[in-house]
Structures are given as structure tokens and as C-alpha cells.
């Protein structure tokens, strides 16, 4: 029998933090404090990031490159099907 393992995750993004990455599994994310900023695309894109305030829910499909950041301290919680691996921008350009 195959069992699906859901991995809860929590993230703290301090004000001014920005990163570009993708992950190998779909992610479902809720913003519980602050405001999460997200832009989809192959490069870090602060200017094009959409703001998701407290109470927002996001679905981020597997293997979609995206920018994630915050202008204020932000806390998110989420769930994904494991195993989980995040690939950061520096890994994408140095293979």
C-alpha cells in the first residue's frame, strides 16, 4: 500500500528577504502574519511580485520557478506531499 506523506512547513521571512527558487512538489501556502510577495518566472523579480496579505492562500505548482520575498516580517505555513526539495537560484545557474 502506498501512503502519501503530507509535510507541514512553516517559514519566517524577515523584512527585506528575497529569494528565487522552485520545488519538486506542489505547495499550498497560507500567509498568517505580514505580507508575502510572489512573482513567477525564470529570474528574481521583486518589481513584478504580487502581494498576498494575511489570510491569503496560494497554490504553487511543482517545478515552477518563482521569486518570494517580504517587505515586512512575514510568517507562512503550508503543506506539500513529500519528499520535499527546494532548488535555489544559485543551484539553477551552476550545474
PDB file of N, CA and C in Angstrom:
ATOM      1  N   UNK A   1       0.827  -1.166   0.000  1.00  0.00           N
ATOM      2  CA  UNK A   1       0.000   0.000   0.000  1.00  0.00           C
ATOM      3  C   UNK A   1       0.884   1.245   0.000  1.00  0.00           C
ATOM      4  N   UNK A   2       0.534   2.223  -0.827  1.00  0.00           N
ATOM      5  CA  UNK A   2       1.270   3.470  -0.918  1.00  0.00           C
ATOM      6  C   UNK A   2       0.631   4.508  -0.004  1.00  0.00           C
ATOM      7  N   UNK A   3       1.426   5.157   0.810  1.00  0.00           N
ATOM      8  CA  UNK A   3       0.907   6.192   1.712  1.00  0.00           C
ATOM      9  C   UNK A   3       1.462   7.543   1.285  1.00  0.00           C
ATOM     10  N   UNK A   4       0.611   8.529   1.237  1.00  0.00           N
ATOM     11  CA  UNK A   4       1.029   9.891   0.936  1.00  0.00           C
ATOM     12  C   UNK A   4       1.401  10.567   2.247  1.00  0.00           C
ATOM     13  N   UNK A   5       2.576  11.126   2.285  1.00  0.00           N
ATOM     14  CA  UNK A   5       3.057  11.804   3.479  1.00  0.00           C
ATOM     15  C   UNK A   5       2.939  13.306   3.269  1.00  0.00           C
ATOM     16  N   UNK A   6       2.083  13.950   4.001  1.00  0.00           N
ATOM     17  CA  UNK A   6       1.959  15.413   3.924  1.00  0.00           C
ATOM     18  C   UNK A   6       2.927  16.027   4.935  1.00  0.00           C
ATOM     19  N   UNK A   7       3.776  16.918   4.447  1.00  0.00           N
ATOM     20  CA  UNK A   7       4.760  17.578   5.295  1.00  0.00           C
ATOM     21  C   UNK A   7       4.312  18.988   5.622  1.00  0.00           C
ATOM     22  N   UNK A   8       4.013  19.278   6.884  1.00  0.00           N
ATOM     23  CA  UNK A   8       3.710  20.673   7.219  1.00  0.00           C
ATOM     24  C   UNK A   8       5.000  21.484   7.194  1.00  0.00           C
ATOM     25  N   UNK A   9       4.909  22.731   6.765  1.00  0.00           N
ATOM     26  CA  UNK A   9       6.087  23.587   6.764  1.00  0.00           C
ATOM     27  C   UNK A   9       5.698  24.942   7.318  1.00  0.00           C
ATOM     28  N   UNK A  10       6.660  25.617   7.847  1.00  0.00           N
ATOM     29  CA  UNK A  10       6.454  26.982   8.300  1.00  0.00           C
ATOM     30  C   UNK A  10       7.687  27.773   7.888  1.00  0.00           C
ATOM     31  N   UNK A  11       7.447  29.017   7.533  1.00  0.00           N
ATOM     32  CA  UNK A  11       8.541  29.862   7.072  1.00  0.00           C
ATOM     33  C   UNK A  11       8.440  31.237   7.704  1.00  0.00           C
ATOM     34  N   UNK A  12       9.568  31.742   8.139  1.00  0.00           N
ATOM     35  CA  UNK A  12       9.664  33.126   8.585  1.00  0.00           C
ATOM     36  C   UNK A  12      10.525  33.853   7.574  1.00  0.00           C
ATOM     37  N   UNK A  13       9.973  34.888   6.967  1.00  0.00           N
ATOM     38  CA  UNK A  13      10.729  35.727   6.044  1.00  0.00           C
ATOM     39  C   UNK A  13      10.909  37.086   6.710  1.00  0.00           C
ATOM     40  N   UNK A  14      12.127  37.432   7.098  1.00  0.00           N
ATOM     41  CA  UNK A  14      12.342  38.743   7.701  1.00  0.00           C
ATOM     42  C   UNK A  14      12.170  39.849   6.653  1.00  0.00           C
ATOM     43  N   UNK A  15      11.808  41.020   7.098  1.00  0.00           N
ATOM     44  CA  UNK A  15      11.657  42.161   6.192  1.00  0.00           C
ATOM     45  C   UNK A  15      12.915  42.309   5.336  1.00  0.00           C
ATOM     46  N   UNK A  16      12.726  42.467   4.036  1.00  0.00           N
ATOM     47  CA  UNK A  16      13.845  42.641   3.115  1.00  0.00           C
ATOM     48  C   UNK A  16      14.388  41.359   2.513  1.00  0.00           C
ATOM     49  N   UNK A  17      13.907  40.204   2.966  1.00  0.00           N
ATOM     50  CA  UNK A  17      14.390  38.919   2.432  1.00  0.00           C
ATOM     51  C   UNK A  17      13.745  38.635   1.076  1.00  0.00           C
ATOM     52  N   UNK A  18      14.557  38.236   0.103  1.00  0.00           N
ATOM     53  CA  UNK A  18      14.079  37.835  -1.226  1.00  0.00           C
ATOM     54  C   UNK A  18      14.882  36.625  -1.673  1.00  0.00           C
ATOM     55  N   UNK A  19      14.221  35.700  -2.354  1.00  0.00           N
ATOM     56  CA  UNK A  19      14.920  34.539  -2.923  1.00  0.00           C
ATOM     57  C   UNK A  19      14.179  34.077  -4.175  1.00  0.00           C
ATOM     58  N   UNK A  20      14.907  33.356  -5.002  1.00  0.00           N
ATOM     59  CA  UNK A  20      14.334  32.785  -6.226  1.00  0.00           C
ATOM     60  C   UNK A  20      14.587  31.284  -6.184  1.00  0.00           C
ATOM     61  N   UNK A  21      13.533  30.475  -6.403  1.00  0.00           N
ATOM     62  CA  UNK A  21      13.683  29.022  -6.294  1.00  0.00           C
ATOM     63  C   UNK A  21      12.511  28.301  -6.959  1.00  0.00           C
ATOM     64  N   UNK A  22      12.570  26.992  -6.921  1.00  0.00           N
ATOM     65  CA  UNK A  22      11.435  26.131  -7.248  1.00  0.00           C
ATOM     66  C   UNK A  22      11.541  24.895  -6.382  1.00  0.00           C
ATOM     67  N   UNK A  23      10.459  24.134  -6.286  1.00  0.00           N
ATOM     68  CA  UNK A  23      10.484  22.899  -5.503  1.00  0.00           C
ATOM     69  C   UNK A  23       9.915  21.757  -6.316  1.00  0.00           C
ATOM     70  N   UNK A  24      10.219  20.548  -5.892  1.00  0.00           N
ATOM     71  CA  UNK A  24       9.859  19.350  -6.646  1.00  0.00           C
ATOM     72  C   UNK A  24       8.431  18.878  -6.387  1.00  0.00           C
ATOM     73  N   UNK A  25       7.713  19.508  -5.477  1.00  0.00           N
ATOM     74  CA  UNK A  25       6.338  19.115  -5.152  1.00  0.00           C
ATOM     75  C   UNK A  25       5.446  20.357  -5.138  1.00  0.00           C
ATOM     76  N   UNK A  26       4.151  20.150  -5.373  1.00  0.00           N
ATOM     77  CA  UNK A  26       3.185  21.242  -5.224  1.00  0.00           C
ATOM     78  C   UNK A  26       3.196  21.732  -3.785  1.00  0.00           C
ATOM     79  N   UNK A  27       3.003  23.037  -3.601  1.00  0.00           N
ATOM     80  CA  UNK A  27       2.935  23.614  -2.259  1.00  0.00           C
ATOM     81  C   UNK A  27       1.634  24.392  -2.109  1.00  0.00           C
ATOM     82  N   UNK A  28       1.033  24.261  -0.947  1.00  0.00           N
ATOM     83  CA  UNK A  28      -0.142  25.043  -0.568  1.00  0.00           C
ATOM     84  C   UNK A  28       0.265  25.879   0.631  1.00  0.00           C
ATOM     85  N   UNK A  29       0.152  27.189   0.504  1.00  0.00           N
ATOM     86  CA  UNK A  29       0.712  28.111   1.488  1.00  0.00           C
ATOM     87  C   UNK A  29      -0.358  29.081   1.985  1.00  0.00           C
ATOM     88  N   UNK A  30      -0.353  29.356   3.281  1.00  0.00           N
ATOM     89  CA  UNK A  30      -1.223  30.361   3.888  1.00  0.00           C
ATOM     90  C   UNK A  30      -0.352  31.424   4.555  1.00  0.00           C
ATOM     91  N   UNK A  31      -0.704  32.673   4.362  1.00  0.00           N
ATOM     92  CA  UNK A  31       0.007  33.784   4.987  1.00  0.00           C
ATOM     93  C   UNK A  31      -0.683  34.077   6.322  1.00  0.00           C
ATOM     94  N   UNK A  32       0.055  33.926   7.420  1.00  0.00           N
ATOM     95  CA  UNK A  32      -0.539  34.102   8.748  1.00  0.00           C
ATOM     96  C   UNK A  32      -0.092  35.388   9.450  1.00  0.00           C
ATOM     97  N   UNK A  33       0.959  36.022   8.928  1.00  0.00           N
ATOM     98  CA  UNK A  33       1.443  37.268   9.504  1.00  0.00           C
ATOM     99  C   UNK A  33       2.222  38.008   8.433  1.00  0.00           C
ATOM    100  N   UNK A  34       2.094  39.328   8.390  1.00  0.00           N
ATOM    101  CA  UNK A  34       2.845  40.106   7.412  1.00  0.00           C
ATOM    102  C   UNK A  34       2.199  40.072   6.045  1.00  0.00           C
ATOM    103  N   UNK A  35       3.029  40.040   5.005  1.00  0.00           N
ATOM    104  CA  UNK A  35       2.547  40.016   3.619  1.00  0.00           C
ATOM    105  C   UNK A  35       3.608  39.355   2.750  1.00  0.00           C
ATOM    106  N   UNK A  36       3.248  38.269   2.103  1.00  0.00           N
ATOM    107  CA  UNK A  36       4.153  37.540   1.218  1.00  0.00           C
ATOM    108  C   UNK A  36       4.079  38.140  -0.182  1.00  0.00           C
ATOM    109  N   UNK A  37       5.224  38.275  -0.835  1.00  0.00           N
ATOM    110  CA  UNK A  37       5.272  38.760  -2.213  1.00  0.00           C
ATOM    111  C   UNK A  37       5.804  37.640  -3.086  1.00  0.00           C
ATOM    112  N   UNK A  38       5.123  37.396  -4.222  1.00  0.00           N
ATOM    113  CA  UNK A  38       5.489  36.293  -5.112  1.00  0.00           C
ATOM    114  C   UNK A  38       5.388  36.739  -6.570  1.00  0.00           C
ATOM    115  N   UNK A  39       6.385  36.361  -7.357  1.00  0.00           N
ATOM    116  CA  UNK A  39       6.370  36.555  -8.809  1.00  0.00           C
ATOM    117  C   UNK A  39       6.820  35.254  -9.455  1.00  0.00           C
ATOM    118  N   UNK A  40       6.161  34.858 -10.534  1.00  0.00           N
ATOM    119  CA  UNK A  40       6.514  33.638 -11.259  1.00  0.00           C
ATOM    120  C   UNK A  40       7.395  34.014 -12.443  1.00  0.00           C
ATOM    121  N   UNK A  41       8.449  33.234 -12.668  1.00  0.00           N
ATOM    122  CA  UNK A  41       9.329  33.473 -13.800  1.00  0.00           C
ATOM    123  C   UNK A  41      10.725  32.953 -13.547  1.00  0.00           C
ATOM    124  N   UNK A  42      11.558  32.972 -14.599  1.00  0.00           N
ATOM    125  CA  UNK A  42      12.883  32.352 -14.516  1.00  0.00           C
ATOM    126  C   UNK A  42      13.957  33.177 -13.814  1.00  0.00           C
ATOM    127  N   UNK A  43      13.661  34.424 -13.447  1.00  0.00           N
ATOM    128  CA  UNK A  43      14.642  35.296 -12.798  1.00  0.00           C
ATOM    129  C   UNK A  43      14.050  35.922 -11.540  1.00  0.00           C
ATOM    130  N   UNK A  44      14.914  36.351 -10.612  1.00  0.00           N
ATOM    131  CA  UNK A  44      14.481  37.095  -9.436  1.00  0.00           C
ATOM    132  C   UNK A  44      13.754  38.356  -9.916  1.00  0.00           C
ATOM    133  N   UNK A  45      12.528  38.586  -9.418  1.00  0.00           N
ATOM    134  CA  UNK A  45      11.695  39.683  -9.919  1.00  0.00           C
ATOM    135  C   UNK A  45      10.948  40.350  -8.769  1.00  0.00           C
ATOM    136  N   UNK A  46      11.626  41.256  -8.072  1.00  0.00           N
ATOM    137  CA  UNK A  46      10.981  41.974  -6.966  1.00  0.00           C
ATOM    138  C   UNK A  46       9.891  42.914  -7.478  1.00  0.00           C
ATOM    139  N   UNK A  47      10.175  43.630  -8.552  1.00  0.00           N
ATOM    140  CA  UNK A  47       9.243  44.640  -9.066  1.00  0.00           C
ATOM    141  C   UNK A  47       7.918  44.034  -9.528  1.00  0.00           C
ATOM    142  N   UNK A  48       7.950  42.810 -10.038  1.00  0.00           N
ATOM    143  CA  UNK A  48       6.739  42.172 -10.551  1.00  0.00           C
ATOM    144  C   UNK A  48       6.002  41.321  -9.540  1.00  0.00           C
ATOM    145  N   UNK A  49       6.459  41.328  -8.285  1.00  0.00           N
ATOM    146  CA  UNK A  49       5.858  40.457  -7.265  1.00  0.00           C
ATOM    147  C   UNK A  49       4.485  40.976  -6.836  1.00  0.00           C
ATOM    148  N   UNK A  50       3.538  40.061  -6.756  1.00  0.00           N
ATOM    149  CA  UNK A  50       2.193  40.362  -6.256  1.00  0.00           C
ATOM    150  C   UNK A  50       2.191  40.175  -4.741  1.00  0.00           C
ATOM    151  N   UNK A  51       1.471  41.050  -4.042  1.00  0.00           N
ATOM    152  CA  UNK A  51       1.408  40.985  -2.584  1.00  0.00           C
ATOM    153  C   UNK A  51       0.227  40.132  -2.136  1.00  0.00           C
ATOM    154  N   UNK A  52       0.498  39.197  -1.216  1.00  0.00           N
ATOM    155  CA  UNK A  52      -0.524  38.336  -0.617  1.00  0.00           C
ATOM    156  C   UNK A  52      -0.584  38.660   0.873  1.00  0.00           C
ATOM    157  N   UNK A  53      -1.645  39.363   1.315  1.00  0.00           N
ATOM    158  CA  UNK A  53      -1.747  39.765   2.721  1.00  0.00           C
ATOM    159  C   UNK A  53      -2.164  38.613   3.632  1.00  0.00           C
ATOM    160  N   UNK A  54      -2.209  38.886   4.926  1.00  0.00           N
ATOM    161  CA  UNK A  54      -2.657  37.907   5.919  1.00  0.00           C
ATOM    162  C   UNK A  54      -4.006  37.323   5.480  1.00  0.00           C
ATOM    163  N   UNK A  55      -4.122  36.003   5.603  1.00  0.00           N
ATOM    164  CA  UNK A  55      -5.351  35.314   5.218  1.00  0.00           C
ATOM    165  C   UNK A  55      -5.335  34.785   3.796  1.00  0.00           C
ATOM    166  N   UNK A  56      -4.323  35.128   3.020  1.00  0.00           N
ATOM    167  CA  UNK A  56      -4.225  34.645   1.641  1.00  0.00           C
ATOM    168  C   UNK A  56      -3.779  33.192   1.604  1.00  0.00           C
ATOM    169  N   UNK A  57      -4.277  32.465   0.605  1.00  0.00           N
ATOM    170  CA  UNK A  57      -3.863  31.093   0.345  1.00  0.00           C
ATOM    171  C   UNK A  57      -3.299  31.027  -1.059  1.00  0.00           C
ATOM    172  N   UNK A  58      -2.150  30.355  -1.210  1.00  0.00           N
ATOM    173  CA  UNK A  58      -1.503  30.229  -2.512  1.00  0.00           C
ATOM    174  C   UNK A  58      -1.296  28.767  -2.846  1.00  0.00           C
ATOM    175  N   UNK A  59      -1.398  28.462  -4.116  1.00  0.00           N
ATOM    176  CA  UNK A  59      -1.032  27.145  -4.638  1.00  0.00           C
ATOM    177  C   UNK A  59       0.148  27.383  -5.569  1.00  0.00           C
ATOM    178  N   UNK A  60       1.279  26.755  -5.264  1.00  0.00           N
ATOM    179  CA  UNK A  60       2.477  26.887  -6.089  1.00  0.00           C
ATOM    180  C   UNK A  60       2.786  25.511  -6.675  1.00  0.00           C
ATOM    181  N   UNK A  61       2.565  25.330  -7.985  1.00  0.00           N
ATOM    182  CA  UNK A  61       2.803  24.012  -8.596  1.00  0.00           C
ATOM    183  C   UNK A  61       4.280  23.606  -8.556  1.00  0.00           C
ATOM    184  N   UNK A  62       4.511  22.321  -8.571  1.00  0.00           N
ATOM    185  CA  UNK A  62       5.876  21.776  -8.607  1.00  0.00           C
ATOM    186  C   UNK A  62       6.620  22.306  -9.829  1.00  0.00           C
ATOM    187  N   UNK A  63       7.909  22.549  -9.652  1.00  0.00           N
ATOM    188  CA  UNK A  63       8.841  22.917 -10.712  1.00  0.00           C
ATOM    189  C   UNK A  63       8.575  24.267 -11.362  1.00  0.00           C
ATOM    190  N   UNK A  64       7.778  25.117 -10.735  1.00  0.00           N
ATOM    191  CA  UNK A  64       7.548  26.474 -11.237  1.00  0.00           C
ATOM    192  C   UNK A  64       8.532  27.413 -10.540  1.00  0.00           C
ATOM    193  N   UNK A  65       9.426  28.031 -11.314  1.00  0.00           N
ATOM    194  CA  UNK A  65      10.395  28.957 -10.738  1.00  0.00           C
ATOM    195  C   UNK A  65       9.656  30.218 -10.286  1.00  0.00           C
ATOM    196  N   UNK A  66      10.000  30.688  -9.094  1.00  0.00           N
ATOM    197  CA  UNK A  66       9.331  31.868  -8.571  1.00  0.00           C
ATOM    198  C   UNK A  66      10.215  32.632  -7.594  1.00  0.00           C
ATOM    199  N   UNK A  67       9.924  33.929  -7.507  1.00  0.00           N
ATOM    200  CA  UNK A  67      10.543  34.827  -6.542  1.00  0.00           C
ATOM    201  C   UNK A  67       9.624  34.895  -5.342  1.00  0.00           C
ATOM    202  N   UNK A  68      10.207  34.910  -4.163  1.00  0.00           N
ATOM    203  CA  UNK A  68       9.431  35.007  -2.936  1.00  0.00           C
ATOM    204  C   UNK A  68      10.160  35.996  -2.026  1.00  0.00           C
ATOM    205  N   UNK A  69       9.398  36.926  -1.434  1.00  0.00           N
ATOM    206  CA  UNK A  69      10.028  37.893  -0.565  1.00  0.00           C
ATOM    207  C   UNK A  69       9.028  38.577   0.344  1.00  0.00           C
ATOM    208  N   UNK A  70       9.546  39.528   1.117  1.00  0.00           N
ATOM    209  CA  UNK A  70       8.707  40.253   2.060  1.00  0.00           C
ATOM    210  C   UNK A  70       9.317  41.613   2.357  1.00  0.00           C
ATOM    211  N   UNK A  71       8.467  42.622   2.431  1.00  0.00           N
ATOM    212  CA  UNK A  71       8.904  43.953   2.842  1.00  0.00           C
ATOM    213  C   UNK A  71       8.751  44.142   4.350  1.00  0.00           C
ATOM    214  N   UNK A  72       7.937  43.291   4.972  1.00  0.00           N
ATOM    215  CA  UNK A  72       7.738  43.289   6.433  1.00  0.00           C
ATOM    216  C   UNK A  72       7.943  41.858   6.919  1.00  0.00           C
ATOM    217  N   UNK A  73       8.260  41.686   8.190  1.00  0.00           N
ATOM    218  CA  UNK A  73       8.393  40.335   8.734  1.00  0.00           C
ATOM    219  C   UNK A  73       7.130  39.542   8.407  1.00  0.00           C
ATOM    220  N   UNK A  74       7.299  38.333   7.848  1.00  0.00           N
ATOM    221  CA  UNK A  74       6.169  37.542   7.359  1.00  0.00           C
ATOM    222  C   UNK A  74       6.297  36.093   7.798  1.00  0.00           C
ATOM    223  N   UNK A  75       5.182  35.507   8.206  1.00  0.00           N
ATOM    224  CA  UNK A  75       5.141  34.092   8.569  1.00  0.00           C
ATOM    225  C   UNK A  75       4.117  33.396   7.685  1.00  0.00           C
ATOM    226  N   UNK A  76       4.523  32.260   7.123  1.00  0.00           N
ATOM    227  CA  UNK A  76       3.654  31.436   6.280  1.00  0.00           C
ATOM    228  C   UNK A  76       3.667  30.012   6.811  1.00  0.00           C
ATOM    229  N   UNK A  77       2.558  29.335   6.617  1.00  0.00           N
ATOM    230  CA  UNK A  77       2.501  27.903   6.888  1.00  0.00           C
ATOM    231  C   UNK A  77       1.988  27.231   5.626  1.00  0.00           C
ATOM    232  N   UNK A  78       2.330  25.968   5.459  1.00  0.00           N
ATOM    233  CA  UNK A  78       1.894  25.287   4.258  1.00  0.00           C
ATOM    234  C   UNK A  78       2.004  23.789   4.378  1.00  0.00           C
ATOM    235  N   UNK A  79       1.611  23.138   3.300  1.00  0.00           N
ATOM    236  CA  UNK A  79       1.673  21.680   3.238  1.00  0.00           C
ATOM    237  C   UNK A  79       2.074  21.260   1.831  1.00  0.00           C
ATOM    238  N   UNK A  80       2.748  20.136   1.764  1.00  0.00           N
ATOM    239  CA  UNK A  80       3.160  19.556   0.496  1.00  0.00           C
ATOM    240  C   UNK A  80       3.252  18.049   0.663  1.00  0.00           C
ATOM    241  N   UNK A  81       3.243  17.347  -0.440  1.00  0.00           N
ATOM    242  CA  UNK A  81       3.434  15.906  -0.424  1.00  0.00           C
ATOM    243  C   UNK A  81       4.938  15.651  -0.504  1.00  0.00           C
ATOM    244  N   UNK A  82       5.475  14.839   0.409  1.00  0.00           N
ATOM    245  CA  UNK A  82       6.920  14.599   0.463  1.00  0.00           C
ATOM    246  C   UNK A  82       7.357  13.520  -0.493  1.00  0.00           C
ATOM    247  N   UNK A  83       8.641  13.293  -0.701  1.00  0.00           N
ATOM    248  CA  UNK A  83       9.751  14.056  -0.134  1.00  0.00           C
ATOM    249  C   UNK A  83       9.881  15.431  -0.797  1.00  0.00           C
ATOM    250  N   UNK A  84      10.404  16.381  -0.035  1.00  0.00           N
ATOM    251  CA  UNK A  84      10.455  17.780  -0.443  1.00  0.00           C
ATOM    252  C   UNK A  84      11.888  18.203  -0.718  1.00  0.00           C
ATOM    253  N   UNK A  85      12.095  18.938  -1.811  1.00  0.00           N
ATOM    254  CA  UNK A  85      13.417  19.507  -2.127  1.00  0.00           C
ATOM    255  C   UNK A  85      13.206  20.874  -2.758  1.00  0.00           C
ATOM    256  N   UNK A  86      13.856  21.888  -2.214  1.00  0.00           N
ATOM    257  CA  UNK A  86      13.831  23.227  -2.791  1.00  0.00           C
ATOM    258  C   UNK A  86      15.135  23.456  -3.532  1.00  0.00           C
ATOM    259  N   UNK A  87      15.036  23.959  -4.753  1.00  0.00           N
ATOM    260  CA  UNK A  87      16.197  24.259  -5.592  1.00  0.00           C
ATOM    261  C   UNK A  87      16.317  25.776  -5.685  1.00  0.00           C
ATOM    262  N   UNK A  88      17.428  26.322  -5.186  1.00  0.00           N
ATOM    263  CA  UNK A  88      17.612  27.768  -5.144  1.00  0.00           C
ATOM    264  C   UNK A  88      18.301  28.269  -6.399  1.00  0.00           C
ATOM    265  N   UNK A  89      18.159  29.574  -6.665  1.00  0.00           N
ATOM    266  CA  UNK A  89      18.655  30.192  -7.893  1.00  0.00           C
ATOM    267  C   UNK A  89      20.125  29.878  -8.163  1.00  0.00           C
ATOM    268  N   UNK A  90      20.963  29.962  -7.134  1.00  0.00           N
ATOM    269  CA  UNK A  90      22.392  29.699  -7.349  1.00  0.00           C
ATOM    270  C   UNK A  90      22.624  28.266  -7.828  1.00  0.00           C
ATOM    271  N   UNK A  91      21.765  27.321  -7.456  1.00  0.00           N
ATOM    272  CA  UNK A  91      21.890  25.941  -7.926  1.00  0.00           C
ATOM    273  C   UNK A  91      21.462  25.824  -9.384  1.00  0.00           C
ATOM    274  N   UNK A  92      20.468  26.608  -9.810  1.00  0.00           N
ATOM    275  CA  UNK A  92      19.963  26.543 -11.182  1.00  0.00           C
ATOM    276  C   UNK A  92      20.991  26.976 -12.194  1.00  0.00           C
ATOM    277  N   UNK A  93      21.858  27.942 -11.834  1.00  0.00           N
ATOM    278  CA  UNK A  93      22.787  28.528 -12.776  1.00  0.00           C
ATOM    279  C   UNK A  93      24.206  27.971 -12.676  1.00  0.00           C
ATOM    280  N   UNK A  94      24.424  27.010 -11.791  1.00  0.00           N
ATOM    281  CA  UNK A  94      25.782  26.491 -11.595  1.00  0.00           C
ATOM    282  C   UNK A  94      25.866  24.979 -11.723  1.00  0.00           C
ATOM    283  N   UNK A  95      25.184  24.419 -12.686  1.00  0.00           N
ATOM    284  CA  UNK A  95      25.281  22.963 -12.899  1.00  0.00           C
ATOM    285  C   UNK A  95      26.264  22.627 -13.975  1.00  0.00           C
TER     286      UNK A  95
END
